């Protein structure tokens, strides 16, 4: 197919919102790379929504095909590690920001950006997770690697209704942890419980100023919110526990004290998925394939076509989306 369908963002005036267009493009419109994919699925992440709505300065050079995720089949490769027919996933590395992204029927990227999917993981299943799921799995891996075990006590997941929190909740539960899931939407309780959450916690109880130290509750924490919530859970983490931080929807400032670190010996571990090493990505995708079957995630996934992305991005920014939004680029 010499011509393919893609979404492309345009912005001539930085003081106005970008314009999203549904277009027919040639391969020359794609960023350089030695591997070309027939993309089958992408997904809509919060960063994508910020770019599409103009609510965040994510993209610096226009026009740009958005989409920080893609999964598809290799159709052309100059990378010796990849050949035609391989199923691969693409996340991070500035894709959808300064390198043309996944909201297109064709995607081109350096082979070093790509991870071959485990045989049991379809491209659709991979994009049920996408960057949000990969990040959630990297957070769980950070807790595991820090030595936090199910027997140590309950673990907390903040922002559990979002993409990262949804997967973290499900994977921790599948690994035998007792998960307390924090959400500001009571309507999410049933879905989070179905994913394995043992207790649903109200966001309001965490989004308040923290004391320097509070009663210990958590052996480990996956925090996707930041701000006051992160300060609160640091004060509540038990001796020797680990708090993994990966989001800032609640703010970028952290007002805390040294007490949790020097009196309770806790660890604050950051997680980034954009530049995560390839071996960590491969491990994460293997664990996702092993522990989260496709049918478990179905209730947390909304499937849309390329023509529905603009409205879905607005809903995501307005906090009207739960779970993951999967994009079928051929729909």
C-alpha atoms as a PDB file:
ATOM      1  CA  UNK A   1       0.000   0.000   0.000  1.00  0.00           C
ATOM      2  CA  UNK A   2       1.725   3.178  -1.220  1.00  0.00           C
ATOM      3  CA  UNK A   3      -0.813   5.420   0.482  1.00  0.00           C
ATOM      4  CA  UNK A   4      -1.963   4.965   4.058  1.00  0.00           C
ATOM      5  CA  UNK A   5      -4.322   6.636   6.483  1.00  0.00           C
ATOM      6  CA  UNK A   6      -3.002   8.663   9.399  1.00  0.00           C
ATOM      7  CA  UNK A   7      -3.891  11.413  11.820  1.00  0.00           C
ATOM      8  CA  UNK A   8      -1.667  14.475  11.654  1.00  0.00           C
ATOM      9  CA  UNK A   9      -1.465  17.520  13.895  1.00  0.00           C
ATOM     10  CA  UNK A  10      -0.884  20.999  12.480  1.00  0.00           C
ATOM     11  CA  UNK A  11      -0.115  24.214  14.339  1.00  0.00           C
ATOM     12  CA  UNK A  12       1.054  27.440  12.682  1.00  0.00           C
ATOM     13  CA  UNK A  13       0.402  29.729  15.640  1.00  0.00           C
ATOM     14  CA  UNK A  14       1.736  28.556  19.040  1.00  0.00           C
ATOM     15  CA  UNK A  15      -0.945  30.624  20.798  1.00  0.00           C
ATOM     16  CA  UNK A  16      -3.759  28.514  19.302  1.00  0.00           C
ATOM     17  CA  UNK A  17      -4.703  24.868  19.717  1.00  0.00           C
ATOM     18  CA  UNK A  18      -3.341  22.433  17.119  1.00  0.00           C
ATOM     19  CA  UNK A  19      -5.623  21.069  14.412  1.00  0.00           C
ATOM     20  CA  UNK A  20      -6.010  17.299  13.983  1.00  0.00           C
ATOM     21  CA  UNK A  21      -6.546  16.093  10.406  1.00  0.00           C
ATOM     22  CA  UNK A  22      -7.393  12.638   9.067  1.00  0.00           C
ATOM     23  CA  UNK A  23      -5.248  12.268   5.935  1.00  0.00           C
ATOM     24  CA  UNK A  24      -3.932   9.942   3.248  1.00  0.00           C
ATOM     25  CA  UNK A  25      -0.132   9.991   3.315  1.00  0.00           C
ATOM     26  CA  UNK A  26       2.894   8.483   1.596  1.00  0.00           C
ATOM     27  CA  UNK A  27       5.809   6.824   3.411  1.00  0.00           C
ATOM     28  CA  UNK A  28       7.881   9.970   2.863  1.00  0.00           C
ATOM     29  CA  UNK A  29       5.768  11.636   5.569  1.00  0.00           C
ATOM     30  CA  UNK A  30       7.250   9.303   8.210  1.00  0.00           C
ATOM     31  CA  UNK A  31      10.326   9.963  10.312  1.00  0.00           C
ATOM     32  CA  UNK A  32      13.498   8.036   9.409  1.00  0.00           C
ATOM     33  CA  UNK A  33      14.003   4.467  10.585  1.00  0.00           C
ATOM     34  CA  UNK A  34      15.256   1.116   9.341  1.00  0.00           C
ATOM     35  CA  UNK A  35      12.066  -0.815  10.154  1.00  0.00           C
ATOM     36  CA  UNK A  36       8.582  -0.205   8.752  1.00  0.00           C
ATOM     37  CA  UNK A  37       5.452  -1.634  10.357  1.00  0.00           C
ATOM     38  CA  UNK A  38       1.932  -2.275   9.219  1.00  0.00           C
ATOM     39  CA  UNK A  39       0.466  -0.791  12.374  1.00  0.00           C
ATOM     40  CA  UNK A  40      -2.650  -2.555  13.645  1.00  0.00           C
ATOM     41  CA  UNK A  41      -3.327  -0.841  16.961  1.00  0.00           C
ATOM     42  CA  UNK A  42      -2.291   2.253  18.855  1.00  0.00           C
ATOM     43  CA  UNK A  43      -3.686   3.698  22.063  1.00  0.00           C
ATOM     44  CA  UNK A  44      -4.626   7.053  23.544  1.00  0.00           C
ATOM     45  CA  UNK A  45      -2.526   8.068  26.532  1.00  0.00           C
ATOM     46  CA  UNK A  46      -2.723  11.201  28.656  1.00  0.00           C
ATOM     47  CA  UNK A  47       0.371  12.595  26.917  1.00  0.00           C
ATOM     48  CA  UNK A  48      -1.331  12.050  23.539  1.00  0.00           C
ATOM     49  CA  UNK A  49      -4.415  13.877  24.794  1.00  0.00           C
ATOM     50  CA  UNK A  50      -2.295  16.812  25.969  1.00  0.00           C
ATOM     51  CA  UNK A  51      -0.681  17.017  22.518  1.00  0.00           C
ATOM     52  CA  UNK A  52      -3.925  16.717  20.556  1.00  0.00           C
ATOM     53  CA  UNK A  53      -5.864  19.245  22.631  1.00  0.00           C
ATOM     54  CA  UNK A  54      -2.935  21.638  22.967  1.00  0.00           C
ATOM     55  CA  UNK A  55      -3.204  21.506  26.757  1.00  0.00           C
ATOM     56  CA  UNK A  56       0.473  20.550  26.980  1.00  0.00           C
ATOM     57  CA  UNK A  57       3.531  21.464  24.929  1.00  0.00           C
ATOM     58  CA  UNK A  58       4.308  17.894  23.952  1.00  0.00           C
ATOM     59  CA  UNK A  59       5.061  18.381  20.254  1.00  0.00           C
ATOM     60  CA  UNK A  60       7.613  20.977  19.159  1.00  0.00           C
ATOM     61  CA  UNK A  61       7.674  20.461  15.402  1.00  0.00           C
ATOM     62  CA  UNK A  62       4.602  20.316  13.161  1.00  0.00           C
ATOM     63  CA  UNK A  63       3.053  18.630  11.293  1.00  0.00           C
ATOM     64  CA  UNK A  64       3.310  15.512  13.441  1.00  0.00           C
ATOM     65  CA  UNK A  65       1.567  12.138  13.551  1.00  0.00           C
ATOM     66  CA  UNK A  66       0.684  11.689  17.249  1.00  0.00           C
ATOM     67  CA  UNK A  67       0.599   8.457  19.214  1.00  0.00           C
ATOM     68  CA  UNK A  68       3.269   7.363  21.672  1.00  0.00           C
ATOM     69  CA  UNK A  69       2.281   3.687  21.197  1.00  0.00           C
ATOM     70  CA  UNK A  70       2.074   1.320  18.249  1.00  0.00           C
ATOM     71  CA  UNK A  71       1.829  -2.413  17.712  1.00  0.00           C
ATOM     72  CA  UNK A  72       1.953  -4.148  14.378  1.00  0.00           C
ATOM     73  CA  UNK A  73       3.743  -6.433  11.958  1.00  0.00           C
ATOM     74  CA  UNK A  74       7.116  -5.751  10.338  1.00  0.00           C
ATOM     75  CA  UNK A  75       6.799  -5.351   6.561  1.00  0.00           C
ATOM     76  CA  UNK A  76      10.289  -4.052   5.779  1.00  0.00           C
ATOM     77  CA  UNK A  77      13.477  -4.214   7.844  1.00  0.00           C
ATOM     78  CA  UNK A  78      17.180  -3.440   7.534  1.00  0.00           C
ATOM     79  CA  UNK A  79      17.696  -4.459  11.166  1.00  0.00           C
ATOM     80  CA  UNK A  80      19.278  -7.936  11.439  1.00  0.00           C
ATOM     81  CA  UNK A  81      17.294  -8.605  14.621  1.00  0.00           C
ATOM     82  CA  UNK A  82      13.933  -8.094  12.913  1.00  0.00           C
ATOM     83  CA  UNK A  83      12.390  -9.519   9.785  1.00  0.00           C
ATOM     84  CA  UNK A  84       9.153  -9.296   7.845  1.00  0.00           C
ATOM     85  CA  UNK A  85       6.321 -10.960   9.726  1.00  0.00           C
ATOM     86  CA  UNK A  86       7.631 -10.231  13.225  1.00  0.00           C
ATOM     87  CA  UNK A  87       5.055  -8.799  15.612  1.00  0.00           C
ATOM     88  CA  UNK A  88       6.466  -5.853  17.522  1.00  0.00           C
ATOM     89  CA  UNK A  89       5.518  -3.099  19.932  1.00  0.00           C
ATOM     90  CA  UNK A  90       6.791   0.473  19.909  1.00  0.00           C
ATOM     91  CA  UNK A  91       6.747   2.801  22.919  1.00  0.00           C
ATOM     92  CA  UNK A  92       8.816   5.729  24.180  1.00  0.00           C
ATOM     93  CA  UNK A  93      11.889   7.278  22.524  1.00  0.00           C
ATOM     94  CA  UNK A  94      10.009  10.454  21.618  1.00  0.00           C
ATOM     95  CA  UNK A  95       7.629   8.648  19.262  1.00  0.00           C
ATOM     96  CA  UNK A  96       4.509  10.760  18.769  1.00  0.00           C
ATOM     97  CA  UNK A  97       6.442  13.803  20.023  1.00  0.00           C
ATOM     98  CA  UNK A  98       9.484  14.415  17.799  1.00  0.00           C
ATOM     99  CA  UNK A  99       9.248  11.183  15.778  1.00  0.00           C
ATOM    100  CA  UNK A 100       6.091  10.305  13.826  1.00  0.00           C
ATOM    101  CA  UNK A 101       3.857   8.150  15.981  1.00  0.00           C
ATOM    102  CA  UNK A 102       1.405   5.312  16.100  1.00  0.00           C
ATOM    103  CA  UNK A 103      -1.898   6.849  14.981  1.00  0.00           C
ATOM    104  CA  UNK A 104      -1.317   5.676  11.421  1.00  0.00           C
ATOM    105  CA  UNK A 105      -1.538   2.543   9.311  1.00  0.00           C
ATOM    106  CA  UNK A 106       2.203   2.711   8.684  1.00  0.00           C
ATOM    107  CA  UNK A 107       4.909   3.388  11.271  1.00  0.00           C
ATOM    108  CA  UNK A 108       8.657   3.667  10.724  1.00  0.00           C
ATOM    109  CA  UNK A 109      11.294   3.619  13.464  1.00  0.00           C
ATOM    110  CA  UNK A 110      14.828   2.453  14.283  1.00  0.00           C
ATOM    111  CA  UNK A 111      14.908  -1.225  15.182  1.00  0.00           C
ATOM    112  CA  UNK A 112      16.393  -0.354  18.576  1.00  0.00           C
ATOM    113  CA  UNK A 113      13.055   1.251  19.525  1.00  0.00           C
ATOM    114  CA  UNK A 114      11.118  -1.974  18.931  1.00  0.00           C
ATOM    115  CA  UNK A 115      10.462  -4.981  21.141  1.00  0.00           C
ATOM    116  CA  UNK A 116       9.335  -8.307  19.706  1.00  0.00           C
ATOM    117  CA  UNK A 117       6.101  -9.425  21.299  1.00  0.00           C
ATOM    118  CA  UNK A 118       5.951 -12.687  23.227  1.00  0.00           C
ATOM    119  CA  UNK A 119       4.211 -15.369  21.172  1.00  0.00           C
ATOM    120  CA  UNK A 120       1.208 -15.341  23.511  1.00  0.00           C
ATOM    121  CA  UNK A 121       0.681 -11.577  23.195  1.00  0.00           C
ATOM    122  CA  UNK A 122      -1.298 -10.270  20.214  1.00  0.00           C
ATOM    123  CA  UNK A 123      -0.890  -6.719  18.924  1.00  0.00           C
ATOM    124  CA  UNK A 124      -4.371  -5.925  20.226  1.00  0.00           C
ATOM    125  CA  UNK A 125      -3.558  -7.299  23.667  1.00  0.00           C
ATOM    126  CA  UNK A 126      -0.285  -5.345  23.702  1.00  0.00           C
ATOM    127  CA  UNK A 127      -2.123  -2.098  23.061  1.00  0.00           C
ATOM    128  CA  UNK A 128      -4.606  -2.913  25.805  1.00  0.00           C
ATOM    129  CA  UNK A 129      -1.528  -2.158  27.892  1.00  0.00           C
ATOM    130  CA  UNK A 130       0.429   0.317  25.772  1.00  0.00           C
ATOM    131  CA  UNK A 131       2.708   2.835  27.474  1.00  0.00           C
ATOM    132  CA  UNK A 132       0.371   2.978  30.465  1.00  0.00           C
ATOM    133  CA  UNK A 133       0.532  -0.770  30.960  1.00  0.00           C
ATOM    134  CA  UNK A 134       4.263  -0.918  30.331  1.00  0.00           C
ATOM    135  CA  UNK A 135       4.785   1.816  32.920  1.00  0.00           C
ATOM    136  CA  UNK A 136       2.537   0.020  35.395  1.00  0.00           C
ATOM    137  CA  UNK A 137       4.536  -3.175  34.914  1.00  0.00           C
ATOM    138  CA  UNK A 138       7.845  -1.324  35.343  1.00  0.00           C
ATOM    139  CA  UNK A 139       6.476   0.059  38.620  1.00  0.00           C
ATOM    140  CA  UNK A 140       5.586  -3.426  39.834  1.00  0.00           C
ATOM    141  CA  UNK A 141       9.030  -4.652  38.797  1.00  0.00           C
ATOM    142  CA  UNK A 142      10.581  -1.834  40.845  1.00  0.00           C
ATOM    143  CA  UNK A 143       8.660  -2.984  43.933  1.00  0.00           C
ATOM    144  CA  UNK A 144       9.657  -6.594  43.344  1.00  0.00           C
ATOM    145  CA  UNK A 145      13.307  -5.704  42.762  1.00  0.00           C
ATOM    146  CA  UNK A 146      13.279  -3.653  45.978  1.00  0.00           C
ATOM    147  CA  UNK A 147      12.307  -6.793  47.861  1.00  0.00           C
ATOM    148  CA  UNK A 148       8.673  -5.939  48.626  1.00  0.00           C
ATOM    149  CA  UNK A 149       6.842  -9.268  49.011  1.00  0.00           C
ATOM    150  CA  UNK A 150       3.130 -10.078  49.414  1.00  0.00           C
ATOM    151  CA  UNK A 151       3.744 -11.283  52.974  1.00  0.00           C
ATOM    152  CA  UNK A 152       5.144  -7.857  53.952  1.00  0.00           C
ATOM    153  CA  UNK A 153       1.729  -6.192  53.990  1.00  0.00           C
ATOM    154  CA  UNK A 154      -0.710  -4.359  51.708  1.00  0.00           C
ATOM    155  CA  UNK A 155       0.412  -2.297  48.749  1.00  0.00           C
ATOM    156  CA  UNK A 156      -1.286   0.897  47.611  1.00  0.00           C
ATOM    157  CA  UNK A 157      -1.959   2.054  44.051  1.00  0.00           C
ATOM    158  CA  UNK A 158      -2.942   5.701  43.634  1.00  0.00           C
ATOM    159  CA  UNK A 159      -4.766   6.913  40.546  1.00  0.00           C
ATOM    160  CA  UNK A 160      -5.926   3.340  40.123  1.00  0.00           C
ATOM    161  CA  UNK A 161      -8.621   4.232  37.583  1.00  0.00           C
ATOM    162  CA  UNK A 162      -6.078   5.390  34.989  1.00  0.00           C
ATOM    163  CA  UNK A 163      -4.064   3.340  32.531  1.00  0.00           C
ATOM    164  CA  UNK A 164      -0.966   2.916  34.704  1.00  0.00           C
ATOM    165  CA  UNK A 165      -2.952   2.321  37.887  1.00  0.00           C
ATOM    166  CA  UNK A 166      -5.310  -0.158  36.256  1.00  0.00           C
ATOM    167  CA  UNK A 167      -2.489  -2.420  35.127  1.00  0.00           C
ATOM    168  CA  UNK A 168      -0.526  -2.024  38.377  1.00  0.00           C
ATOM    169  CA  UNK A 169      -3.619  -3.037  40.334  1.00  0.00           C
ATOM    170  CA  UNK A 170      -4.272  -6.078  38.168  1.00  0.00           C
ATOM    171  CA  UNK A 171      -0.682  -7.321  37.996  1.00  0.00           C
ATOM    172  CA  UNK A 172      -0.002  -6.857  41.719  1.00  0.00           C
ATOM    173  CA  UNK A 173      -3.154  -8.785  42.551  1.00  0.00           C
ATOM    174  CA  UNK A 174      -2.228 -11.582  40.144  1.00  0.00           C
ATOM    175  CA  UNK A 175       1.157 -11.845  41.878  1.00  0.00           C
ATOM    176  CA  UNK A 176      -0.497 -12.348  45.265  1.00  0.00           C
ATOM    177  CA  UNK A 177      -0.271  -8.856  46.776  1.00  0.00           C
ATOM    178  CA  UNK A 178      -3.137  -7.365  48.789  1.00  0.00           C
ATOM    179  CA  UNK A 179      -3.950  -4.250  46.790  1.00  0.00           C
ATOM    180  CA  UNK A 180      -5.625  -1.094  48.073  1.00  0.00           C
ATOM    181  CA  UNK A 181      -6.723   0.974  45.069  1.00  0.00           C
ATOM    182  CA  UNK A 182      -7.227   4.740  45.340  1.00  0.00           C
ATOM    183  CA  UNK A 183      -9.794   6.431  43.119  1.00  0.00           C
ATOM    184  CA  UNK A 184     -11.862   9.576  43.192  1.00  0.00           C
ATOM    185  CA  UNK A 185     -14.720   7.912  41.347  1.00  0.00           C
ATOM    186  CA  UNK A 186     -16.887   5.526  43.337  1.00  0.00           C
ATOM    187  CA  UNK A 187     -18.313   4.190  40.074  1.00  0.00           C
ATOM    188  CA  UNK A 188     -14.886   2.629  39.435  1.00  0.00           C
ATOM    189  CA  UNK A 189     -15.051   0.433  42.528  1.00  0.00           C
ATOM    190  CA  UNK A 190     -16.642  -2.568  40.822  1.00  0.00           C
ATOM    191  CA  UNK A 191     -14.181  -2.537  37.913  1.00  0.00           C
ATOM    192  CA  UNK A 192     -11.151  -2.225  40.187  1.00  0.00           C
ATOM    193  CA  UNK A 193     -12.458  -5.004  42.401  1.00  0.00           C
ATOM    194  CA  UNK A 194     -12.835  -7.219  39.321  1.00  0.00           C
ATOM    195  CA  UNK A 195      -9.158  -6.557  38.565  1.00  0.00           C
ATOM    196  CA  UNK A 196      -8.211  -7.801  42.016  1.00  0.00           C
ATOM    197  CA  UNK A 197      -8.285  -4.780  44.322  1.00  0.00           C
ATOM    198  CA  UNK A 198      -9.017  -5.944  47.874  1.00  0.00           C
ATOM    199  CA  UNK A 199      -9.945  -2.500  49.206  1.00  0.00           C
ATOM    200  CA  UNK A 200     -11.092   0.684  47.465  1.00  0.00           C
ATOM    201  CA  UNK A 201      -9.713   3.836  49.063  1.00  0.00           C
ATOM    202  CA  UNK A 202     -11.151   7.332  48.567  1.00  0.00           C
ATOM    203  CA  UNK A 203      -8.850   9.865  46.939  1.00  0.00           C
ATOM    204  CA  UNK A 204     -10.019  12.589  49.315  1.00  0.00           C
ATOM    205  CA  UNK A 205      -8.323  10.915  52.286  1.00  0.00           C
ATOM    206  CA  UNK A 206      -4.937  11.155  50.559  1.00  0.00           C
ATOM    207  CA  UNK A 207      -5.200  14.559  48.930  1.00  0.00           C
ATOM    208  CA  UNK A 208      -4.706  16.426  52.216  1.00  0.00           C
ATOM    209  CA  UNK A 209      -1.572  17.798  53.922  1.00  0.00           C
ATOM    210  CA  UNK A 210       0.582  15.073  55.443  1.00  0.00           C
ATOM    211  CA  UNK A 211       2.177  15.025  58.856  1.00  0.00           C
ATOM    212  CA  UNK A 212       5.931  14.380  58.878  1.00  0.00           C
ATOM    213  CA  UNK A 213       5.163  10.791  59.932  1.00  0.00           C
ATOM    214  CA  UNK A 214       1.819   9.001  60.129  1.00  0.00           C
ATOM    215  CA  UNK A 215       0.675   5.543  61.155  1.00  0.00           C
ATOM    216  CA  UNK A 216       2.281   2.964  58.904  1.00  0.00           C
ATOM    217  CA  UNK A 217      -0.003   1.239  56.429  1.00  0.00           C
ATOM    218  CA  UNK A 218       1.873   0.233  53.261  1.00  0.00           C
ATOM    219  CA  UNK A 219       4.654  -2.201  52.454  1.00  0.00           C
ATOM    220  CA  UNK A 220       4.864  -0.633  49.028  1.00  0.00           C
ATOM    221  CA  UNK A 221       3.174   2.029  46.945  1.00  0.00           C
ATOM    222  CA  UNK A 222       2.730   2.696  43.237  1.00  0.00           C
ATOM    223  CA  UNK A 223       1.968   6.409  42.991  1.00  0.00           C
ATOM    224  CA  UNK A 224       0.749   7.796  39.675  1.00  0.00           C
ATOM    225  CA  UNK A 225      -0.423  11.148  41.064  1.00  0.00           C
ATOM    226  CA  UNK A 226       2.418  13.025  42.767  1.00  0.00           C
ATOM    227  CA  UNK A 227       1.955  16.218  44.767  1.00  0.00           C
ATOM    228  CA  UNK A 228       0.121  16.020  48.091  1.00  0.00           C
ATOM    229  CA  UNK A 229      -0.837  12.384  47.519  1.00  0.00           C
ATOM    230  CA  UNK A 230       2.792  11.327  47.188  1.00  0.00           C
ATOM    231  CA  UNK A 231       3.719  13.255  50.329  1.00  0.00           C
ATOM    232  CA  UNK A 232       0.881  11.515  52.195  1.00  0.00           C
ATOM    233  CA  UNK A 233       1.853   7.983  51.218  1.00  0.00           C
ATOM    234  CA  UNK A 234       5.528   8.603  52.028  1.00  0.00           C
ATOM    235  CA  UNK A 235       4.478   9.418  55.590  1.00  0.00           C
ATOM    236  CA  UNK A 236       2.426   6.200  55.777  1.00  0.00           C
ATOM    237  CA  UNK A 237       4.905   3.692  54.356  1.00  0.00           C
ATOM    238  CA  UNK A 238       6.195   1.131  56.799  1.00  0.00           C
ATOM    239  CA  UNK A 239       9.804   0.587  57.799  1.00  0.00           C
ATOM    240  CA  UNK A 240      11.928  -0.604  54.893  1.00  0.00           C
ATOM    241  CA  UNK A 241       9.108  -0.079  52.372  1.00  0.00           C
ATOM    242  CA  UNK A 242       9.337   1.308  48.844  1.00  0.00           C
ATOM    243  CA  UNK A 243       7.304   4.022  47.130  1.00  0.00           C
ATOM    244  CA  UNK A 244       7.437   4.027  43.331  1.00  0.00           C
ATOM    245  CA  UNK A 245       6.557   7.365  41.712  1.00  0.00           C
ATOM    246  CA  UNK A 246       5.671   7.766  38.053  1.00  0.00           C
ATOM    247  CA  UNK A 247       3.097  10.558  37.642  1.00  0.00           C
ATOM    248  CA  UNK A 248       2.420  14.215  38.358  1.00  0.00           C
ATOM    249  CA  UNK A 249      -1.278  14.743  37.670  1.00  0.00           C
ATOM    250  CA  UNK A 250      -1.589  15.965  41.278  1.00  0.00           C
ATOM    251  CA  UNK A 251       1.298  18.412  40.950  1.00  0.00           C
ATOM    252  CA  UNK A 252       5.055  18.478  40.444  1.00  0.00           C
ATOM    253  CA  UNK A 253       5.969  19.813  43.876  1.00  0.00           C
ATOM    254  CA  UNK A 254       6.686  17.454  46.756  1.00  0.00           C
ATOM    255  CA  UNK A 255       6.388  18.881  50.263  1.00  0.00           C
ATOM    256  CA  UNK A 256       7.738  16.303  52.672  1.00  0.00           C
ATOM    257  CA  UNK A 257      10.476  15.822  55.269  1.00  0.00           C
ATOM    258  CA  UNK A 258      13.485  13.587  55.580  1.00  0.00           C
ATOM    259  CA  UNK A 259      11.835  11.634  58.414  1.00  0.00           C
ATOM    260  CA  UNK A 260      10.330   8.795  56.323  1.00  0.00           C
ATOM    261  CA  UNK A 261      13.773   8.190  54.801  1.00  0.00           C
ATOM    262  CA  UNK A 262      16.032   8.465  57.860  1.00  0.00           C
ATOM    263  CA  UNK A 263      13.661   7.113  60.526  1.00  0.00           C
ATOM    264  CA  UNK A 264      11.810   4.446  58.558  1.00  0.00           C
ATOM    265  CA  UNK A 265      14.464   3.563  56.006  1.00  0.00           C
ATOM    266  CA  UNK A 266      12.049   3.825  53.084  1.00  0.00           C
ATOM    267  CA  UNK A 267      12.976   4.154  49.435  1.00  0.00           C
ATOM    268  CA  UNK A 268      11.483   6.558  46.881  1.00  0.00           C
ATOM    269  CA  UNK A 269      12.006   5.063  43.428  1.00  0.00           C
ATOM    270  CA  UNK A 270      11.213   6.905  40.217  1.00  0.00           C
ATOM    271  CA  UNK A 271      10.063   5.024  37.116  1.00  0.00           C
ATOM    272  CA  UNK A 272      10.376   6.243  33.526  1.00  0.00           C
ATOM    273  CA  UNK A 273       9.179   4.244  30.545  1.00  0.00           C
ATOM    274  CA  UNK A 274      10.332   6.587  27.760  1.00  0.00           C
ATOM    275  CA  UNK A 275      14.034   5.716  27.936  1.00  0.00           C
ATOM    276  CA  UNK A 276      13.752   2.416  29.824  1.00  0.00           C
ATOM    277  CA  UNK A 277      16.454  -0.067  28.715  1.00  0.00           C
ATOM    278  CA  UNK A 278      15.423  -2.664  26.175  1.00  0.00           C
ATOM    279  CA  UNK A 279      16.038  -5.593  28.544  1.00  0.00           C
ATOM    280  CA  UNK A 280      13.646  -4.024  31.083  1.00  0.00           C
ATOM    281  CA  UNK A 281      11.022  -3.543  28.376  1.00  0.00           C
ATOM    282  CA  UNK A 282      11.361  -7.139  27.221  1.00  0.00           C
ATOM    283  CA  UNK A 283      11.011  -8.404  30.777  1.00  0.00           C
ATOM    284  CA  UNK A 284       7.961  -6.204  31.328  1.00  0.00           C
ATOM    285  CA  UNK A 285       6.185  -7.435  28.193  1.00  0.00           C
ATOM    286  CA  UNK A 286       6.911 -11.067  29.149  1.00  0.00           C
ATOM    287  CA  UNK A 287       5.418 -10.555  32.603  1.00  0.00           C
ATOM    288  CA  UNK A 288       2.352  -8.797  31.185  1.00  0.00           C
ATOM    289  CA  UNK A 289       1.791 -11.681  28.777  1.00  0.00           C
ATOM    290  CA  UNK A 290       2.184 -14.256  31.560  1.00  0.00           C
ATOM    291  CA  UNK A 291       0.023 -12.664  34.222  1.00  0.00           C
ATOM    292  CA  UNK A 292      -2.713 -10.590  32.570  1.00  0.00           C
ATOM    293  CA  UNK A 293      -4.850 -12.522  30.078  1.00  0.00           C
ATOM    294  CA  UNK A 294      -6.613 -10.547  27.373  1.00  0.00           C
ATOM    295  CA  UNK A 295     -10.080 -11.319  28.710  1.00  0.00           C
ATOM    296  CA  UNK A 296      -9.226  -9.846  32.121  1.00  0.00           C
ATOM    297  CA  UNK A 297      -8.449  -6.478  30.575  1.00  0.00           C
ATOM    298  CA  UNK A 298     -11.456  -6.343  28.237  1.00  0.00           C
ATOM    299  CA  UNK A 299     -13.654  -4.640  30.826  1.00  0.00           C
ATOM    300  CA  UNK A 300     -11.055  -1.893  31.224  1.00  0.00           C
ATOM    301  CA  UNK A 301     -10.654  -1.139  27.502  1.00  0.00           C
ATOM    302  CA  UNK A 302     -12.608   1.108  25.150  1.00  0.00           C
ATOM    303  CA  UNK A 303     -11.953   0.576  21.416  1.00  0.00           C
ATOM    304  CA  UNK A 304     -12.192   3.504  18.996  1.00  0.00           C
ATOM    305  CA  UNK A 305     -11.218   4.262  15.402  1.00  0.00           C
ATOM    306  CA  UNK A 306      -8.959   7.026  14.119  1.00  0.00           C
ATOM    307  CA  UNK A 307     -11.935   9.286  13.456  1.00  0.00           C
ATOM    308  CA  UNK A 308     -12.922   9.211  17.143  1.00  0.00           C
ATOM    309  CA  UNK A 309      -9.551  10.197  18.581  1.00  0.00           C
ATOM    310  CA  UNK A 310     -10.190  13.949  18.836  1.00  0.00           C
ATOM    311  CA  UNK A 311     -13.296  13.625  20.987  1.00  0.00           C
ATOM    312  CA  UNK A 312     -11.736  10.853  23.067  1.00  0.00           C
ATOM    313  CA  UNK A 313      -8.742  13.109  23.805  1.00  0.00           C
ATOM    314  CA  UNK A 314     -11.077  15.794  25.140  1.00  0.00           C
ATOM    315  CA  UNK A 315     -12.790  13.239  27.386  1.00  0.00           C
ATOM    316  CA  UNK A 316      -9.464  12.004  28.691  1.00  0.00           C
ATOM    317  CA  UNK A 317      -8.344  15.531  29.587  1.00  0.00           C
ATOM    318  CA  UNK A 318     -11.691  16.122  31.320  1.00  0.00           C
ATOM    319  CA  UNK A 319     -11.177  12.993  33.474  1.00  0.00           C
ATOM    320  CA  UNK A 320     -14.121  11.228  31.829  1.00  0.00           C
ATOM    321  CA  UNK A 321     -12.183   8.096  30.852  1.00  0.00           C
ATOM    322  CA  UNK A 322     -11.469   5.028  32.943  1.00  0.00           C
ATOM    323  CA  UNK A 323      -8.991   2.332  32.004  1.00  0.00           C
ATOM    324  CA  UNK A 324      -7.413   2.278  28.565  1.00  0.00           C
ATOM    325  CA  UNK A 325      -8.458   3.584  25.133  1.00  0.00           C
ATOM    326  CA  UNK A 326      -7.410   1.256  22.310  1.00  0.00           C
ATOM    327  CA  UNK A 327      -7.203   2.664  18.765  1.00  0.00           C
ATOM    328  CA  UNK A 328      -7.906   0.321  15.854  1.00  0.00           C
ATOM    329  CA  UNK A 329      -6.067   2.229  13.091  1.00  0.00           C
ATOM    330  CA  UNK A 330      -7.888   0.271  10.382  1.00  0.00           C
ATOM    331  CA  UNK A 331     -11.334   1.270  11.654  1.00  0.00           C
END
